[in-house]
mmCIF file of all heavy atoms, coordinates in Angstrom:
data_MODEL
# 
_entry.id   MODEL 
# 
loop_
_atom_site.group_PDB 
_atom_site.id 
_atom_site.type_symbol 
_atom_site.label_atom_id 
_atom_site.label_alt_id 
_atom_site.label_comp_id 
_atom_site.label_asym_id 
_atom_site.label_entity_id 
_atom_site.label_seq_id 
_atom_site.pdbx_PDB_ins_code 
_atom_site.Cartn_x 
_atom_site.Cartn_y 
_atom_site.Cartn_z 
_atom_site.occupancy 
_atom_site.B_iso_or_equiv 
_atom_site.pdbx_formal_charge 
_atom_site.auth_seq_id 
_atom_site.auth_comp_id 
_atom_site.auth_asym_id 
_atom_site.auth_atom_id 
_atom_site.pdbx_PDB_model_num 
ATOM 1   N N   . ILE A 1 1  ? 121.570 -37.448 140.745 1.00 0.00 ? 1  ILE A N   1 
ATOM 2   C CA  . ILE A 1 1  ? 122.567 -38.427 141.204 1.00 0.00 ? 1  ILE A CA  1 
ATOM 3   C C   . ILE A 1 1  ? 123.472 -38.830 140.040 1.00 0.00 ? 1  ILE A C   1 
ATOM 4   O O   . ILE A 1 1  ? 124.707 -38.834 140.161 1.00 0.00 ? 1  ILE A O   1 
ATOM 5   C CB  . ILE A 1 1  ? 121.867 -39.646 141.833 1.00 0.00 ? 1  ILE A CB  1 
ATOM 6   C CG1 . ILE A 1 1  ? 121.222 -39.257 143.167 1.00 0.00 ? 1  ILE A CG1 1 
ATOM 7   C CG2 . ILE A 1 1  ? 122.847 -40.815 142.011 1.00 0.00 ? 1  ILE A CG2 1 
ATOM 8   C CD1 . ILE A 1 1  ? 120.247 -40.283 143.715 1.00 0.00 ? 1  ILE A CD1 1 
ATOM 9   N N   . GLU A 1 2  ? 122.863 -39.143 138.909 1.00 0.00 ? 2  GLU A N   1 
ATOM 10  C CA  . GLU A 1 2  ? 123.652 -39.555 137.738 1.00 0.00 ? 2  GLU A CA  1 
ATOM 11  C C   . GLU A 1 2  ? 124.568 -38.437 137.257 1.00 0.00 ? 2  GLU A C   1 
ATOM 12  O O   . GLU A 1 2  ? 125.739 -38.665 136.966 1.00 0.00 ? 2  GLU A O   1 
ATOM 13  C CB  . GLU A 1 2  ? 122.714 -40.017 136.623 1.00 0.00 ? 2  GLU A CB  1 
ATOM 14  C CG  . GLU A 1 2  ? 122.009 -41.315 136.970 1.00 0.00 ? 2  GLU A CG  1 
ATOM 15  C CD  . GLU A 1 2  ? 120.872 -41.669 136.025 1.00 0.00 ? 2  GLU A CD  1 
ATOM 16  O OE1 . GLU A 1 2  ? 120.702 -40.997 134.980 1.00 0.00 ? 2  GLU A OE1 1 
ATOM 17  O OE2 . GLU A 1 2  ? 120.134 -42.632 136.347 1.00 0.00 ? 2  GLU A OE2 1 
ATOM 18  N N   . ARG A 1 3  ? 124.050 -37.228 137.187 1.00 0.00 ? 3  ARG A N   1 
ATOM 19  C CA  . ARG A 1 3  ? 124.879 -36.096 136.736 1.00 0.00 ? 3  ARG A CA  1 
ATOM 20  C C   . ARG A 1 3  ? 126.023 -35.844 137.720 1.00 0.00 ? 3  ARG A C   1 
ATOM 21  O O   . ARG A 1 3  ? 127.159 -35.574 137.326 1.00 0.00 ? 3  ARG A O   1 
ATOM 22  C CB  . ARG A 1 3  ? 124.016 -34.851 136.579 1.00 0.00 ? 3  ARG A CB  1 
ATOM 23  C CG  . ARG A 1 3  ? 124.790 -33.686 135.981 1.00 0.00 ? 3  ARG A CG  1 
ATOM 24  C CD  . ARG A 1 3  ? 123.864 -32.514 135.736 1.00 0.00 ? 3  ARG A CD  1 
ATOM 25  N NE  . ARG A 1 3  ? 124.599 -31.464 135.068 1.00 0.00 ? 3  ARG A NE  1 
ATOM 26  C CZ  . ARG A 1 3  ? 124.286 -30.969 133.891 1.00 0.00 ? 3  ARG A CZ  1 
ATOM 27  N NH1 . ARG A 1 3  ? 123.265 -31.440 133.235 1.00 0.00 ? 3  ARG A NH1 1 
ATOM 28  N NH2 . ARG A 1 3  ? 125.002 -29.996 133.370 1.00 0.00 ? 3  ARG A NH2 1 
ATOM 29  N N   . SER A 1 4  ? 125.737 -35.943 139.014 1.00 0.00 ? 4  SER A N   1 
ATOM 30  C CA  . SER A 1 4  ? 126.763 -35.739 140.040 1.00 0.00 ? 4  SER A CA  1 
ATOM 31  C C   . SER A 1 4  ? 127.867 -36.778 139.927 1.00 0.00 ? 4  SER A C   1 
ATOM 32  O O   . SER A 1 4  ? 129.054 -36.458 140.073 1.00 0.00 ? 4  SER A O   1 
ATOM 33  C CB  . SER A 1 4  ? 126.129 -35.792 141.436 1.00 0.00 ? 4  SER A CB  1 
ATOM 34  O OG  . SER A 1 4  ? 125.174 -34.769 141.566 1.00 0.00 ? 4  SER A OG  1 
ATOM 35  N N   . GLN A 1 5  ? 127.490 -38.007 139.660 1.00 0.00 ? 5  GLN A N   1 
ATOM 36  C CA  . GLN A 1 5  ? 128.491 -39.063 139.475 1.00 0.00 ? 5  GLN A CA  1 
ATOM 37  C C   . GLN A 1 5  ? 129.341 -38.780 138.247 1.00 0.00 ? 5  GLN A C   1 
ATOM 38  O O   . GLN A 1 5  ? 130.565 -38.925 138.284 1.00 0.00 ? 5  GLN A O   1 
ATOM 39  C CB  . GLN A 1 5  ? 127.808 -40.426 139.361 1.00 0.00 ? 5  GLN A CB  1 
ATOM 40  C CG  . GLN A 1 5  ? 127.230 -40.904 140.670 1.00 0.00 ? 5  GLN A CG  1 
ATOM 41  C CD  . GLN A 1 5  ? 126.377 -42.152 140.520 1.00 0.00 ? 5  GLN A CD  1 
ATOM 42  O OE1 . GLN A 1 5  ? 125.688 -42.348 139.523 1.00 0.00 ? 5  GLN A OE1 1 
ATOM 43  N NE2 . GLN A 1 5  ? 126.432 -43.011 141.528 1.00 0.00 ? 5  GLN A NE2 1 
ATOM 44  N N   . THR A 1 6  ? 128.707 -38.352 137.163 1.00 0.00 ? 6  THR A N   1 
ATOM 45  C CA  . THR A 1 6  ? 129.436 -38.011 135.936 1.00 0.00 ? 6  THR A CA  1 
ATOM 46  C C   . THR A 1 6  ? 130.432 -36.880 136.188 1.00 0.00 ? 6  THR A C   1 
ATOM 47  O O   . THR A 1 6  ? 131.538 -36.885 135.643 1.00 0.00 ? 6  THR A O   1 
ATOM 48  C CB  . THR A 1 6  ? 128.446 -37.608 134.824 1.00 0.00 ? 6  THR A CB  1 
ATOM 49  O OG1 . THR A 1 6  ? 127.586 -38.711 134.567 1.00 0.00 ? 6  THR A OG1 1 
ATOM 50  C CG2 . THR A 1 6  ? 129.163 -37.204 133.554 1.00 0.00 ? 6  THR A CG2 1 
ATOM 51  N N   . LEU A 1 7  ? 130.042 -35.930 137.031 1.00 0.00 ? 7  LEU A N   1 
ATOM 52  C CA  . LEU A 1 7  ? 130.917 -34.792 137.357 1.00 0.00 ? 7  LEU A CA  1 
ATOM 53  C C   . LEU A 1 7  ? 132.018 -35.157 138.349 1.00 0.00 ? 7  LEU A C   1 
ATOM 54  O O   . LEU A 1 7  ? 132.900 -34.353 138.612 1.00 0.00 ? 7  LEU A O   1 
ATOM 55  C CB  . LEU A 1 7  ? 130.078 -33.642 137.935 1.00 0.00 ? 7  LEU A CB  1 
ATOM 56  C CG  . LEU A 1 7  ? 129.109 -32.972 136.960 1.00 0.00 ? 7  LEU A CG  1 
ATOM 57  C CD1 . LEU A 1 7  ? 128.162 -32.034 137.695 1.00 0.00 ? 7  LEU A CD1 1 
ATOM 58  C CD2 . LEU A 1 7  ? 129.878 -32.225 135.872 1.00 0.00 ? 7  LEU A CD2 1 
ATOM 59  N N   . GLY A 1 8  ? 131.954 -36.361 138.916 1.00 0.00 ? 8  GLY A N   1 
ATOM 60  C CA  . GLY A 1 8  ? 132.964 -36.776 139.890 1.00 0.00 ? 8  GLY A CA  1 
ATOM 61  C C   . GLY A 1 8  ? 132.720 -36.261 141.293 1.00 0.00 ? 8  GLY A C   1 
ATOM 62  O O   . GLY A 1 8  ? 133.620 -36.274 142.128 1.00 0.00 ? 8  GLY A O   1 
ATOM 63  N N   . TRP A 1 9  ? 131.500 -35.797 141.566 1.00 0.00 ? 9  TRP A N   1 
ATOM 64  C CA  . TRP A 1 9  ? 131.188 -35.322 142.908 1.00 0.00 ? 9  TRP A CA  1 
ATOM 65  C C   . TRP A 1 9  ? 131.213 -36.495 143.877 1.00 0.00 ? 9  TRP A C   1 
ATOM 66  O O   . TRP A 1 9  ? 130.905 -37.623 143.518 1.00 0.00 ? 9  TRP A O   1 
ATOM 67  C CB  . TRP A 1 9  ? 129.833 -34.650 142.939 1.00 0.00 ? 9  TRP A CB  1 
ATOM 68  C CG  . TRP A 1 9  ? 129.766 -33.334 142.215 1.00 0.00 ? 9  TRP A CG  1 
ATOM 69  C CD1 . TRP A 1 9  ? 130.744 -32.738 141.471 1.00 0.00 ? 9  TRP A CD1 1 
ATOM 70  C CD2 . TRP A 1 9  ? 128.647 -32.462 142.155 1.00 0.00 ? 9  TRP A CD2 1 
ATOM 71  N NE1 . TRP A 1 9  ? 130.299 -31.551 140.964 1.00 0.00 ? 9  TRP A NE1 1 
ATOM 72  C CE2 . TRP A 1 9  ? 129.011 -31.355 141.360 1.00 0.00 ? 9  TRP A CE2 1 
ATOM 73  C CE3 . TRP A 1 9  ? 127.372 -32.504 142.680 1.00 0.00 ? 9  TRP A CE3 1 
ATOM 74  C CZ2 . TRP A 1 9  ? 128.147 -30.296 141.089 1.00 0.00 ? 9  TRP A CZ2 1 
ATOM 75  C CZ3 . TRP A 1 9  ? 126.497 -31.455 142.421 1.00 0.00 ? 9  TRP A CZ3 1 
ATOM 76  C CH2 . TRP A 1 9  ? 126.890 -30.358 141.635 1.00 0.00 ? 9  TRP A CH2 1 
ATOM 77  N N   . ARG A 1 10 ? 131.580 -36.246 145.121 1.00 0.00 ? 10 ARG A N   1 
ATOM 78  C CA  . ARG A 1 10 ? 131.718 -37.282 146.141 1.00 0.00 ? 10 ARG A CA  1 
ATOM 79  C C   . ARG A 1 10 ? 130.422 -37.609 146.868 1.00 0.00 ? 10 ARG A C   1 
ATOM 80  O O   . ARG A 1 10 ? 130.275 -38.699 147.403 1.00 0.00 ? 10 ARG A O   1 
ATOM 81  C CB  . ARG A 1 10 ? 132.759 -36.855 147.186 1.00 0.00 ? 10 ARG A CB  1 
ATOM 82  C CG  . ARG A 1 10 ? 134.129 -36.540 146.637 1.00 0.00 ? 10 ARG A CG  1 
ATOM 83  C CD  . ARG A 1 10 ? 134.797 -37.832 146.204 1.00 0.00 ? 10 ARG A CD  1 
ATOM 84  N NE  . ARG A 1 10 ? 136.125 -37.556 145.733 1.00 0.00 ? 10 ARG A NE  1 
ATOM 85  C CZ  . ARG A 1 10 ? 137.218 -38.081 146.259 1.00 0.00 ? 10 ARG A CZ  1 
ATOM 86  N NH1 . ARG A 1 10 ? 137.148 -38.892 147.278 1.00 0.00 ? 10 ARG A NH1 1 
ATOM 87  N NH2 . ARG A 1 10 ? 138.379 -37.775 145.750 1.00 0.00 ? 10 ARG A NH2 1 
ATOM 88  N N   . ALA A 1 11 ? 129.500 -36.668 146.924 1.00 0.00 ? 11 ALA A N   1 
ATOM 89  C CA  . ALA A 1 11 ? 128.249 -36.875 147.659 1.00 0.00 ? 11 ALA A CA  1 
ATOM 90  C C   . ALA A 1 11 ? 127.239 -35.827 147.219 1.00 0.00 ? 11 ALA A C   1 
ATOM 91  O O   . ALA A 1 11 ? 127.594 -34.823 146.607 1.00 0.00 ? 11 ALA A O   1 
ATOM 92  C CB  . ALA A 1 11 ? 128.497 -36.750 149.169 1.00 0.00 ? 11 ALA A CB  1 
ATOM 93  N N   . LEU A 1 12 ? 125.993 -36.103 147.549 1.00 0.00 ? 12 LEU A N   1 
ATOM 94  C CA  . LEU A 1 12 ? 124.923 -35.118 147.438 1.00 0.00 ? 12 LEU A CA  1 
ATOM 95  C C   . LEU A 1 12 ? 124.304 -34.994 148.818 1.00 0.00 ? 12 LEU A C   1 
ATOM 96  O O   . LEU A 1 12 ? 124.095 -35.996 149.497 1.00 0.00 ? 12 LEU A O   1 
ATOM 97  C CB  . LEU A 1 12 ? 123.833 -35.589 146.462 1.00 0.00 ? 12 LEU A CB  1 
ATOM 98  C CG  . LEU A 1 12 ? 124.043 -35.296 144.996 1.00 0.00 ? 12 LEU A CG  1 
ATOM 99  C CD1 . LEU A 1 12 ? 122.949 -35.961 144.165 1.00 0.00 ? 12 LEU A CD1 1 
ATOM 100 C CD2 . LEU A 1 12 ? 124.078 -33.809 144.720 1.00 0.00 ? 12 LEU A CD2 1 
ATOM 101 N N   . GLU A 1 13 ? 124.028 -33.772 149.221 1.00 0.00 ? 13 GLU A N   1 
ATOM 102 C CA  . GLU A 1 13 ? 123.430 -33.517 150.527 1.00 0.00 ? 13 GLU A CA  1 
ATOM 103 C C   . GLU A 1 13 ? 122.199 -32.639 150.333 1.00 0.00 ? 13 GLU A C   1 
ATOM 104 O O   . GLU A 1 13 ? 122.082 -31.919 149.344 1.00 0.00 ? 13 GLU A O   1 
ATOM 105 C CB  . GLU A 1 13 ? 124.434 -32.824 151.454 1.00 0.00 ? 13 GLU A CB  1 
ATOM 106 C CG  . GLU A 1 13 ? 125.654 -33.684 151.729 1.00 0.00 ? 13 GLU A CG  1 
ATOM 107 C CD  . GLU A 1 13 ? 126.708 -32.998 152.583 1.00 0.00 ? 13 GLU A CD  1 
ATOM 108 O OE1 . GLU A 1 13 ? 126.879 -31.763 152.462 1.00 0.00 ? 13 GLU A OE1 1 
ATOM 109 O OE2 . GLU A 1 13 ? 127.342 -33.702 153.366 1.00 0.00 ? 13 GLU A OE2 1 
ATOM 110 N N   . LEU A 1 14 ? 121.294 -32.709 151.302 1.00 0.00 ? 14 LEU A N   1 
ATOM 111 C CA  . LEU A 1 14 ? 120.101 -31.872 151.270 1.00 0.00 ? 14 LEU A CA  1 
ATOM 112 C C   . LEU A 1 14 ? 119.536 -31.782 152.667 1.00 0.00 ? 14 LEU A C   1 
ATOM 113 O O   . LEU A 1 14 ? 120.016 -32.439 153.589 1.00 0.00 ? 14 LEU A O   1 
ATOM 114 C CB  . LEU A 1 14 ? 119.054 -32.434 150.297 1.00 0.00 ? 14 LEU A CB  1 
ATOM 115 C CG  . LEU A 1 14 ? 118.629 -33.899 150.437 1.00 0.00 ? 14 LEU A CG  1 
ATOM 116 C CD1 . LEU A 1 14 ? 117.659 -34.131 151.571 1.00 0.00 ? 14 LEU A CD1 1 
ATOM 117 C CD2 . LEU A 1 14 ? 118.017 -34.365 149.141 1.00 0.00 ? 14 LEU A CD2 1 
ATOM 118 N N   . GLU A 1 15 ? 118.529 -30.953 152.817 1.00 0.00 ? 15 GLU A N   1 
ATOM 119 C CA  . GLU A 1 15 ? 117.828 -30.842 154.090 1.00 0.00 ? 15 GLU A CA  1 
ATOM 120 C C   . GLU A 1 15 ? 116.343 -31.055 153.847 1.00 0.00 ? 15 GLU A C   1 
ATOM 121 O O   . GLU A 1 15 ? 115.861 -30.854 152.734 1.00 0.00 ? 15 GLU A O   1 
ATOM 122 C CB  . GLU A 1 15 ? 118.055 -29.489 154.746 1.00 0.00 ? 15 GLU A CB  1 
ATOM 123 C CG  . GLU A 1 15 ? 117.404 -28.335 154.007 1.00 0.00 ? 15 GLU A CG  1 
ATOM 124 C CD  . GLU A 1 15 ? 117.653 -26.987 154.659 1.00 0.00 ? 15 GLU A CD  1 
ATOM 125 O OE1 . GLU A 1 15 ? 118.452 -26.895 155.591 1.00 0.00 ? 15 GLU A OE1 1 
ATOM 126 O OE2 . GLU A 1 15 ? 117.037 -26.015 154.193 1.00 0.00 ? 15 GLU A OE2 1 
ATOM 127 N N   . VAL A 1 16 ? 115.652 -31.472 154.879 1.00 0.00 ? 16 VAL A N   1 
ATOM 128 C CA  . VAL A 1 16 ? 114.210 -31.665 154.813 1.00 0.00 ? 16 VAL A CA  1 
ATOM 129 C C   . VAL A 1 16 ? 113.587 -30.878 155.955 1.00 0.00 ? 16 VAL A C   1 
ATOM 130 O O   . VAL A 1 16 ? 114.019 -31.000 157.102 1.00 0.00 ? 16 VAL A O   1 
ATOM 131 C CB  . VAL A 1 16 ? 113.825 -33.158 154.954 1.00 0.00 ? 16 VAL A CB  1 
ATOM 132 C CG1 . VAL A 1 16 ? 112.319 -33.342 154.890 1.00 0.00 ? 16 VAL A CG1 1 
ATOM 133 C CG2 . VAL A 1 16 ? 114.514 -33.991 153.891 1.00 0.00 ? 16 VAL A CG2 1 
ATOM 134 N N   . VAL A 1 17 ? 112.601 -30.080 155.638 1.00 0.00 ? 17 VAL A N   1 
ATOM 135 C CA  . VAL A 1 17 ? 111.893 -29.327 156.656 1.00 0.00 ? 17 VAL A CA  1 
ATOM 136 C C   . VAL A 1 17 ? 111.108 -30.312 157.509 1.00 0.00 ? 17 VAL A C   1 
ATOM 137 O O   . VAL A 1 17 ? 110.482 -31.249 156.993 1.00 0.00 ? 17 VAL A O   1 
ATOM 138 C CB  . VAL A 1 17 ? 110.936 -28.298 156.002 1.00 0.00 ? 17 VAL A CB  1 
ATOM 139 C CG1 . VAL A 1 17 ? 110.103 -27.574 157.046 1.00 0.00 ? 17 VAL A CG1 1 
ATOM 140 C CG2 . VAL A 1 17 ? 111.738 -27.307 155.170 1.00 0.00 ? 17 VAL A CG2 1 
ATOM 141 N N   . GLU A 1 18 ? 111.164 -30.112 158.829 1.00 0.00 ? 18 GLU A N   1 
ATOM 142 C CA  . GLU A 1 18 ? 110.420 -30.986 159.733 1.00 0.00 ? 18 GLU A CA  1 
ATOM 143 C C   . GLU A 1 18 ? 108.959 -31.025 159.332 1.00 0.00 ? 18 GLU A C   1 
ATOM 144 O O   . GLU A 1 18 ? 108.371 -30.011 158.967 1.00 0.00 ? 18 GLU A O   1 
ATOM 145 C CB  . GLU A 1 18 ? 110.569 -30.496 161.174 1.00 0.00 ? 18 GLU A CB  1 
ATOM 146 C CG  . GLU A 1 18 ? 111.936 -30.802 161.752 1.00 0.00 ? 18 GLU A CG  1 
ATOM 147 C CD  . GLU A 1 18 ? 112.009 -30.507 163.245 1.00 0.00 ? 18 GLU A CD  1 
ATOM 148 O OE1 . GLU A 1 18 ? 111.033 -30.789 163.955 1.00 0.00 ? 18 GLU A OE1 1 
ATOM 149 O OE2 . GLU A 1 18 ? 113.057 -29.992 163.655 1.00 0.00 ? 18 GLU A OE2 1 
ATOM 150 N N   . GLY A 1 19 ? 108.386 -32.216 159.393 1.00 0.00 ? 19 GLY A N   1 
ATOM 151 C CA  . GLY A 1 19 ? 106.996 -32.385 159.030 1.00 0.00 ? 19 GLY A CA  1 
ATOM 152 C C   . GLY A 1 19 ? 106.785 -32.785 157.578 1.00 0.00 ? 19 GLY A C   1 
ATOM 153 O O   . GLY A 1 19 ? 105.670 -33.068 157.167 1.00 0.00 ? 19 GLY A O   1 
ATOM 154 N N   . HIS A 1 20 ? 107.854 -32.810 156.779 1.00 0.00 ? 20 HIS A N   1 
ATOM 155 C CA  . HIS A 1 20 ? 107.747 -33.195 155.364 1.00 0.00 ? 20 HIS A CA  1 
ATOM 156 C C   . HIS A 1 20 ? 108.196 -34.646 155.191 1.00 0.00 ? 20 HIS A C   1 
ATOM 157 O O   . HIS A 1 20 ? 109.151 -34.942 154.489 1.00 0.00 ? 20 HIS A O   1 
ATOM 158 C CB  . HIS A 1 20 ? 108.569 -32.260 154.485 1.00 0.00 ? 20 HIS A CB  1 
ATOM 159 C CG  . HIS A 1 20 ? 107.964 -30.914 154.329 1.00 0.00 ? 20 HIS A CG  1 
ATOM 160 N ND1 . HIS A 1 20 ? 108.541 -29.919 153.604 1.00 0.00 ? 20 HIS A ND1 1 
ATOM 161 C CD2 . HIS A 1 20 ? 106.800 -30.396 154.796 1.00 0.00 ? 20 HIS A CD2 1 
ATOM 162 C CE1 . HIS A 1 20 ? 107.781 -28.834 153.645 1.00 0.00 ? 20 HIS A CE1 1 
ATOM 163 N NE2 . HIS A 1 20 ? 106.725 -29.106 154.358 1.00 0.00 ? 20 HIS A NE2 1 
ATOM 164 N N   . GLU A 1 21 ? 107.471 -35.546 155.850 1.00 0.00 ? 21 GLU A N   1 
ATOM 165 C CA  . GLU A 1 21 ? 107.832 -36.957 155.811 1.00 0.00 ? 21 GLU A CA  1 
ATOM 166 C C   . GLU A 1 21 ? 107.744 -37.552 154.407 1.00 0.00 ? 21 GLU A C   1 
ATOM 167 O O   . GLU A 1 21 ? 108.507 -38.439 154.059 1.00 0.00 ? 21 GLU A O   1 
ATOM 168 C CB  . GLU A 1 21 ? 106.972 -37.767 156.799 1.00 0.00 ? 21 GLU A CB  1 
ATOM 169 C CG  . GLU A 1 21 ? 107.504 -37.739 158.223 1.00 0.00 ? 21 GLU A CG  1 
ATOM 170 C CD  . GLU A 1 21 ? 107.442 -36.369 158.884 1.00 0.00 ? 21 GLU A CD  1 
ATOM 171 O OE1 . GLU A 1 21 ? 106.524 -35.578 158.570 1.00 0.00 ? 21 GLU A OE1 1 
ATOM 172 O OE2 . GLU A 1 21 ? 108.333 -36.066 159.693 1.00 0.00 ? 21 GLU A OE2 1 
ATOM 173 N N   . ARG A 1 22 ? 106.804 -37.055 153.619 1.00 0.00 ? 22 ARG A N   1 
ATOM 174 C CA  . ARG A 1 22 ? 106.675 -37.559 152.246 1.00 0.00 ? 22 ARG A CA  1 
ATOM 175 C C   . ARG A 1 22 ? 107.950 -37.286 151.451 1.00 0.00 ? 22 ARG A C   1 
ATOM 176 O O   . ARG A 1 22 ? 108.443 -38.149 150.735 1.00 0.00 ? 22 ARG A O   1 
ATOM 177 C CB  . ARG A 1 22 ? 105.461 -36.916 151.579 1.00 0.00 ? 22 ARG A CB  1 
ATOM 178 C CG  . ARG A 1 22 ? 105.159 -37.461 150.224 1.00 0.00 ? 22 ARG A CG  1 
ATOM 179 C CD  . ARG A 1 22 ? 103.864 -36.888 149.679 1.00 0.00 ? 22 ARG A CD  1 
ATOM 180 N NE  . ARG A 1 22 ? 103.672 -37.312 148.320 1.00 0.00 ? 22 ARG A NE  1 
ATOM 181 C CZ  . ARG A 1 22 ? 102.828 -36.758 147.489 1.00 0.00 ? 22 ARG A CZ  1 
ATOM 182 N NH1 . ARG A 1 22 ? 102.068 -35.756 147.882 1.00 0.00 ? 22 ARG A NH1 1 
ATOM 183 N NH2 . ARG A 1 22 ? 102.704 -37.193 146.261 1.00 0.00 ? 22 ARG A NH2 1 
ATOM 184 N N   . ALA A 1 23 ? 108.496 -36.093 151.609 1.00 0.00 ? 23 ALA A N   1 
ATOM 185 C CA  . ALA A 1 23 ? 109.745 -35.753 150.926 1.00 0.00 ? 23 ALA A CA  1 
ATOM 186 C C   . ALA A 1 23 ? 110.890 -36.586 151.481 1.00 0.00 ? 23 ALA A C   1 
ATOM 187 O O   . ALA A 1 23 ? 111.719 -37.107 150.721 1.00 0.00 ? 23 ALA A O   1 
ATOM 188 C CB  . ALA A 1 23 ? 110.052 -34.266 151.079 1.00 0.00 ? 23 ALA A CB  1 
ATOM 189 N N   . ALA A 1 24 ? 110.946 -36.748 152.798 1.00 0.00 ? 24 ALA A N   1 
ATOM 190 C CA  . ALA A 1 24 ? 112.013 -37.546 153.415 1.00 0.00 ? 24 ALA A CA  1 
ATOM 191 C C   . ALA A 1 24 ? 111.980 -38.978 152.895 1.00 0.00 ? 24 ALA A C   1 
ATOM 192 O O   . ALA A 1 24 ? 113.032 -39.574 152.599 1.00 0.00 ? 24 ALA A O   1 
ATOM 193 C CB  . ALA A 1 24 ? 111.892 -37.514 154.933 1.00 0.00 ? 24 ALA A CB  1 
ATOM 194 N N   . ALA A 1 25 ? 110.791 -39.546 152.756 1.00 0.00 ? 25 ALA A N   1 
ATOM 195 C CA  . ALA A 1 25 ? 110.670 -40.918 152.247 1.00 0.00 ? 25 ALA A CA  1 
ATOM 196 C C   . ALA A 1 25 ? 111.179 -41.005 150.807 1.00 0.00 ? 25 ALA A C   1 
ATOM 197 O O   . ALA A 1 25 ? 111.847 -41.984 150.439 1.00 0.00 ? 25 ALA A O   1 
ATOM 198 C CB  . ALA A 1 25 ? 109.217 -41.377 152.337 1.00 0.00 ? 25 ALA A CB  1 
ATOM 199 N N   . LEU A 1 26 ? 110.898 -39.993 150.013 1.00 0.00 ? 26 LEU A N   1 
ATOM 200 C CA  . LEU A 1 26 ? 111.400 -39.960 148.634 1.00 0.00 ? 26 LEU A CA  1 
ATOM 201 C C   . LEU A 1 26 ? 112.921 -39.986 148.628 1.00 0.00 ? 26 LEU A C   1 
ATOM 202 O O   . LEU A 1 26 ? 113.548 -40.762 147.908 1.00 0.00 ? 26 LEU A O   1 
ATOM 203 C CB  . LEU A 1 26 ? 110.874 -38.710 147.913 1.00 0.00 ? 26 LEU A CB  1 
ATOM 204 C CG  . LEU A 1 26 ? 111.496 -38.410 146.544 1.00 0.00 ? 26 LEU A CG  1 
ATOM 205 C CD1 . LEU A 1 26 ? 111.113 -39.467 145.522 1.00 0.00 ? 26 LEU A CD1 1 
ATOM 206 C CD2 . LEU A 1 26 ? 111.068 -37.026 146.077 1.00 0.00 ? 26 LEU A CD2 1 
ATOM 207 N N   . TYR A 1 27 ? 113.531 -39.156 149.450 1.00 0.00 ? 27 TYR A N   1 
ATOM 208 C CA  . TYR A 1 27 ? 114.995 -39.091 149.482 1.00 0.00 ? 27 TYR A CA  1 
ATOM 209 C C   . TYR A 1 27 ? 115.585 -40.414 149.947 1.00 0.00 ? 27 TYR A C   1 
ATOM 210 O O   . TYR A 1 27 ? 116.584 -40.890 149.405 1.00 0.00 ? 27 TYR A O   1 
ATOM 211 C CB  . TYR A 1 27 ? 115.456 -37.939 150.379 1.00 0.00 ? 27 TYR A CB  1 
ATOM 212 C CG  . TYR A 1 27 ? 114.903 -36.590 149.958 1.00 0.00 ? 27 TYR A CG  1 
ATOM 213 C CD1 . TYR A 1 27 ? 114.485 -35.660 150.897 1.00 0.00 ? 27 TYR A CD1 1 
ATOM 214 C CD2 . TYR A 1 27 ? 114.779 -36.245 148.616 1.00 0.00 ? 27 TYR A CD2 1 
ATOM 215 C CE1 . TYR A 1 27 ? 113.968 -34.431 150.523 1.00 0.00 ? 27 TYR A CE1 1 
ATOM 216 C CE2 . TYR A 1 27 ? 114.251 -35.021 148.231 1.00 0.00 ? 27 TYR A CE2 1 
ATOM 217 C CZ  . TYR A 1 27 ? 113.846 -34.122 149.176 1.00 0.00 ? 27 TYR A CZ  1 
ATOM 218 O OH  . TYR A 1 27 ? 113.333 -32.912 148.798 1.00 0.00 ? 27 TYR A OH  1 
ATOM 219 N N   . GLN A 1 28 ? 114.989 -41.020 150.934 1.00 0.00 ? 28 GLN A N   1 
ATOM 220 C CA  . GLN A 1 28 ? 115.494 -42.302 151.431 1.00 0.00 ? 28 GLN A CA  1 
ATOM 221 C C   . GLN A 1 28 ? 115.388 -43.381 150.360 1.00 0.00 ? 28 GLN A C   1 
ATOM 222 O O   . GLN A 1 28 ? 116.287 -44.212 150.245 1.00 0.00 ? 28 GLN A O   1 
ATOM 223 C CB  . GLN A 1 28 ? 114.764 -42.703 152.707 1.00 0.00 ? 28 GLN A CB  1 
ATOM 224 C CG  . GLN A 1 28 ? 115.174 -41.817 153.875 1.00 0.00 ? 28 GLN A CG  1 
ATOM 225 C CD  . GLN A 1 28 ? 114.350 -42.056 155.127 1.00 0.00 ? 28 GLN A CD  1 
ATOM 226 O OE1 . GLN A 1 28 ? 113.172 -42.381 155.056 1.00 0.00 ? 28 GLN A OE1 1 
ATOM 227 N NE2 . GLN A 1 28 ? 114.979 -41.869 156.278 1.00 0.00 ? 28 GLN A NE2 1 
ATOM 228 N N   . ARG A 1 29 ? 114.338 -43.372 149.567 1.00 0.00 ? 29 ARG A N   1 
ATOM 229 C CA  . ARG A 1 29 ? 114.212 -44.345 148.469 1.00 0.00 ? 29 ARG A CA  1 
ATOM 230 C C   . ARG A 1 29 ? 115.327 -44.192 147.450 1.00 0.00 ? 29 ARG A C   1 
ATOM 231 O O   . ARG A 1 29 ? 115.644 -45.128 146.722 1.00 0.00 ? 29 ARG A O   1 
ATOM 232 C CB  . ARG A 1 29 ? 112.859 -44.196 147.773 1.00 0.00 ? 29 ARG A CB  1 
ATOM 233 C CG  . ARG A 1 29 ? 111.697 -44.755 148.541 1.00 0.00 ? 29 ARG A CG  1 
ATOM 234 C CD  . ARG A 1 29 ? 110.451 -44.900 147.673 1.00 0.00 ? 29 ARG A CD  1 
ATOM 235 N NE  . ARG A 1 29 ? 110.006 -43.686 147.023 1.00 0.00 ? 29 ARG A NE  1 
ATOM 236 C CZ  . ARG A 1 29 ? 109.186 -42.768 147.555 1.00 0.00 ? 29 ARG A CZ  1 
ATOM 237 N NH1 . ARG A 1 29 ? 108.735 -42.940 148.786 1.00 0.00 ? 29 ARG A NH1 1 
ATOM 238 N NH2 . ARG A 1 29 ? 108.818 -41.710 146.869 1.00 0.00 ? 29 ARG A NH2 1 
# 
């Protein structure tokens, strides 16, 4: 996130495989 902001990127996007709630919770945090 910090590097993307430094580069002037507008957003970061990703996907989560269904059933990987632990990973989804990490991303939401």
